[in-house]
Amino acid sequence: MASLNSSLLISTFFLLVLFFTTPARSTAVTDVCPKTKDPNFCLRAFISHPRSATADVYGLGKISIDLATAYATDTLDKLLIIVRAIREDTPLKARLDTCADAYDFSRDALQEANRNNDDSFYIGMKQRGDSALGVIQQCNNTFAEPPNPLSIQNHNFERLLDMVSTLGVVLNVGVF
């Protein structure tokens, strides 16, 4: 009987440990992500961020901006290293300069989106996300002929910006 009780106690302990160490997904995440253009990407992005498990929709707005800003900063830093390494003025360097400007503009737009979110001006948050998306699409358009070396980065960034814009709409309308 004692071994049955100790086995039950040990099993319960392991179930509790398993339950409390499994990453949680907030209801807000499962409500918001289907509204984006790429729900699976949205889920993966939020799950990768530790605050999203307990965040409400307002918190997700902040997190989406944080994720997009970090991605823009990282991409811009790498892009500037490449641009500075190209010594000659070439069409490739000009295109990459255009893209660096786009990522720099996007970071500024996301800072403004963050202020809009803090001020509960959610339509402004959406507009800043959309304007950043527009300049990243211009970056894509500069690479009409040769393959775009930033296509993966731009695509991922576009999906992050879509999350920012979508959350701006959701928060503005109040449907969550």
Protein backbone atom coordinates (compact mmCIF):
# COMPACT_ATOMS: atom_id res chain seq x y z
CA MET A 1 0.00 0.00 0.00
CA ALA A 2 2.86 2.34 0.87
CA SER A 3 4.49 1.71 -2.49
CA LEU A 4 1.20 2.53 -4.26
CA ASN A 5 0.93 5.84 -2.38
CA SER A 6 4.53 6.75 -3.13
CA SER A 7 4.07 5.81 -6.81
CA LEU A 8 0.94 7.95 -6.96
CA LEU A 9 2.76 10.83 -5.27
CA ILE A 10 5.71 10.59 -7.67
CA SER A 11 3.38 10.38 -10.70
CA THR A 12 1.43 13.40 -9.51
CA PHE A 13 4.66 15.32 -8.96
CA PHE A 14 5.89 14.58 -12.50
CA LEU A 15 2.53 15.55 -14.00
CA LEU A 16 2.61 18.85 -12.13
CA VAL A 17 6.17 19.53 -13.28
CA LEU A 18 5.22 18.69 -16.86
CA PHE A 19 2.10 20.87 -16.68
CA PHE A 20 3.90 23.90 -15.27
CA THR A 21 6.91 23.68 -17.59
CA THR A 22 4.92 23.35 -20.82
CA PRO A 23 4.89 26.70 -22.62
CA ALA A 24 1.50 28.29 -22.33
CA ARG A 25 -0.28 30.09 -25.08
CA SER A 26 -2.54 32.94 -24.06
CA THR A 27 -6.09 33.14 -25.26
CA ALA A 28 -5.21 36.51 -26.77
CA VAL A 29 -2.62 34.88 -29.03
CA THR A 30 -5.10 32.28 -30.26
CA ASP A 31 -7.68 35.03 -30.83
CA VAL A 32 -5.37 37.44 -32.69
CA CYS A 33 -3.15 35.22 -34.84
CA PRO A 34 -5.96 33.88 -37.08
CA LYS A 35 -6.63 37.49 -38.10
CA THR A 36 -3.10 37.89 -39.54
CA LYS A 37 -2.01 36.91 -43.05
CA ASP A 38 0.16 34.09 -41.68
CA PRO A 39 -1.40 32.69 -38.48
CA ASN A 40 1.26 29.99 -38.04
CA PHE A 41 4.08 32.52 -38.22
CA CYS A 42 2.22 34.72 -35.74
CA LEU A 43 1.81 31.83 -33.30
CA ARG A 44 5.49 30.88 -33.59
CA ALA A 45 6.59 34.49 -33.13
CA PHE A 46 4.49 35.01 -30.02
CA ILE A 47 5.35 31.63 -28.54
CA SER A 48 9.04 32.56 -28.88
CA HIS A 49 8.48 35.58 -26.64
CA PRO A 50 8.21 34.80 -22.92
CA ARG A 51 5.73 37.60 -22.09
CA SER A 52 3.16 36.44 -24.64
CA ALA A 53 1.97 33.49 -22.53
CA THR A 54 0.34 35.87 -20.05
CA ALA A 55 -0.25 38.89 -22.29
CA ASP A 56 -3.62 40.35 -23.11
CA VAL A 57 -4.27 41.93 -26.51
CA TYR A 58 -2.74 45.23 -25.40
CA GLY A 59 0.39 43.40 -24.30
CA LEU A 60 0.53 41.54 -27.61
CA GLY A 61 0.50 44.90 -29.38
CA LYS A 62 3.60 45.91 -27.44
CA ILE A 63 5.25 42.53 -27.99
CA SER A 64 4.58 42.62 -31.75
CA ILE A 65 6.25 46.02 -31.96
CA ASP A 66 9.18 44.78 -29.86
CA LEU A 67 9.64 41.73 -32.10
CA ALA A 68 9.47 43.80 -35.30
CA THR A 69 11.83 46.46 -33.93
CA ALA A 70 14.40 43.88 -32.84
CA TYR A 71 14.20 42.19 -36.25
CA ALA A 72 14.57 45.51 -38.10
CA THR A 73 17.55 46.49 -35.97
CA ASP A 74 19.28 43.15 -36.46
CA THR A 75 18.67 43.16 -40.22
CA LEU A 76 19.80 46.78 -40.57
CA ASP A 77 23.00 46.11 -38.62
CA LYS A 78 23.88 43.16 -40.88
CA LEU A 79 22.92 45.11 -43.99
CA LEU A 80 25.15 48.05 -43.07
CA ILE A 81 28.12 45.73 -42.63
CA ILE A 82 27.57 44.40 -46.16
CA VAL A 83 27.02 47.87 -47.66
CA ARG A 84 30.20 49.21 -46.04
CA ALA A 85 32.18 46.24 -47.36
CA ILE A 86 31.24 47.08 -50.97
CA ARG A 87 33.88 49.62 -51.99
CA GLU A 88 32.62 50.55 -55.44
CA ASP A 89 29.39 52.23 -56.40
CA THR A 90 27.48 49.43 -58.06
CA PRO A 91 23.80 48.82 -58.74
CA LEU A 92 23.86 46.21 -55.96
CA LYS A 93 25.25 48.71 -53.46
CA ALA A 94 22.60 51.26 -54.48
CA ARG A 95 19.85 48.66 -54.00
CA LEU A 96 21.22 47.63 -50.63
CA ASP A 97 21.44 51.31 -49.61
CA THR A 98 17.76 51.66 -50.50
CA CYS A 99 16.97 48.66 -48.33
CA ALA A 100 19.08 50.00 -45.46
CA ASP A 101 17.11 53.24 -45.64
CA ALA A 102 13.89 51.21 -45.63
CA TYR A 103 14.86 49.31 -42.49
CA ASP A 104 16.01 52.53 -40.81
CA PHE A 105 12.69 54.19 -41.67
CA SER A 106 10.86 51.11 -40.42
CA ARG A 107 12.58 51.28 -37.04
CA ASP A 108 11.52 54.92 -36.71
CA ALA A 109 7.96 54.02 -37.73
CA LEU A 110 7.90 51.23 -35.14
CA GLN A 111 9.08 53.62 -32.42
CA GLU A 112 6.15 55.84 -33.35
CA ALA A 113 3.84 52.79 -33.36
CA ASN A 114 5.05 52.04 -29.85
CA ARG A 115 4.15 55.57 -28.73
CA ASN A 116 0.78 55.21 -30.48
CA ASN A 117 0.17 51.95 -28.61
CA ASP A 118 1.11 53.58 -25.29
CA ASP A 119 -1.28 56.46 -26.05
CA SER A 120 -4.11 54.07 -27.07
CA PHE A 121 -3.99 55.56 -30.59
CA TYR A 122 -4.29 52.17 -32.24
CA ILE A 123 -5.17 53.34 -35.74
CA GLY A 124 -1.85 55.23 -35.66
CA MET A 125 -0.14 51.99 -34.66
CA LYS A 126 -1.69 50.30 -37.70
CA GLN A 127 -0.70 53.18 -39.98
CA ARG A 128 2.92 53.05 -38.79
CA GLY A 129 3.02 49.30 -39.40
CA ASP A 130 1.57 49.82 -42.87
CA SER A 131 4.04 52.60 -43.74
CA ALA A 132 6.96 50.40 -42.68
CA LEU A 133 5.53 47.60 -44.80
CA GLY A 134 5.35 49.96 -47.79
CA VAL A 135 9.03 50.87 -47.66
CA ILE A 136 10.07 47.23 -47.24
CA GLN A 137 8.06 46.44 -50.36
CA GLN A 138 9.99 49.22 -52.13
CA CYS A 139 13.18 47.46 -51.05
CA ASN A 140 11.85 44.27 -52.64
CA ASN A 141 10.98 46.15 -55.83
CA THR A 142 14.56 47.40 -56.25
CA PHE A 143 15.61 43.80 -56.94
CA ALA A 144 13.53 43.21 -60.06
CA GLU A 145 16.29 41.48 -62.05
CA PRO A 146 18.88 39.78 -59.87
CA PRO A 147 17.65 37.61 -57.04
CA ASN A 148 16.95 39.64 -53.93
CA PRO A 149 19.52 38.74 -51.26
CA LEU A 150 17.10 40.06 -48.64
CA SER A 151 14.02 38.15 -49.76
CA ILE A 152 13.84 35.93 -46.67
CA GLN A 153 14.53 38.78 -44.25
CA ASN A 154 12.03 41.03 -45.98
CA HIS A 155 9.37 38.31 -46.03
CA ASN A 156 9.77 37.62 -42.30
CA PHE A 157 9.76 41.33 -41.53
CA GLU A 158 6.62 41.82 -43.61
CA ARG A 159 4.90 39.13 -41.53
CA LEU A 160 5.99 40.84 -38.30
CA LEU A 161 4.72 44.18 -39.61
CA ASP A 162 1.42 42.51 -40.51
CA MET A 163 1.14 41.43 -36.87
CA VAL A 164 1.68 45.05 -35.75
CA SER A 165 -0.90 46.36 -38.22
CA THR A 166 -3.42 43.63 -37.40
CA LEU A 167 -3.12 44.29 -33.69
CA GLY A 168 -3.60 48.00 -34.37
CA VAL A 169 -6.89 47.19 -36.09
CA VAL A 170 -8.00 44.71 -33.43
CA LEU A 171 -7.24 47.17 -30.64
CA ASN A 172 -8.85 50.08 -32.49
CA VAL A 173 -12.06 48.18 -33.19
CA GLY A 174 -12.03 46.54 -29.78
CA VAL A 175 -12.86 43.10 -31.14
CA PHE A 176 -10.89 40.53 -29.22
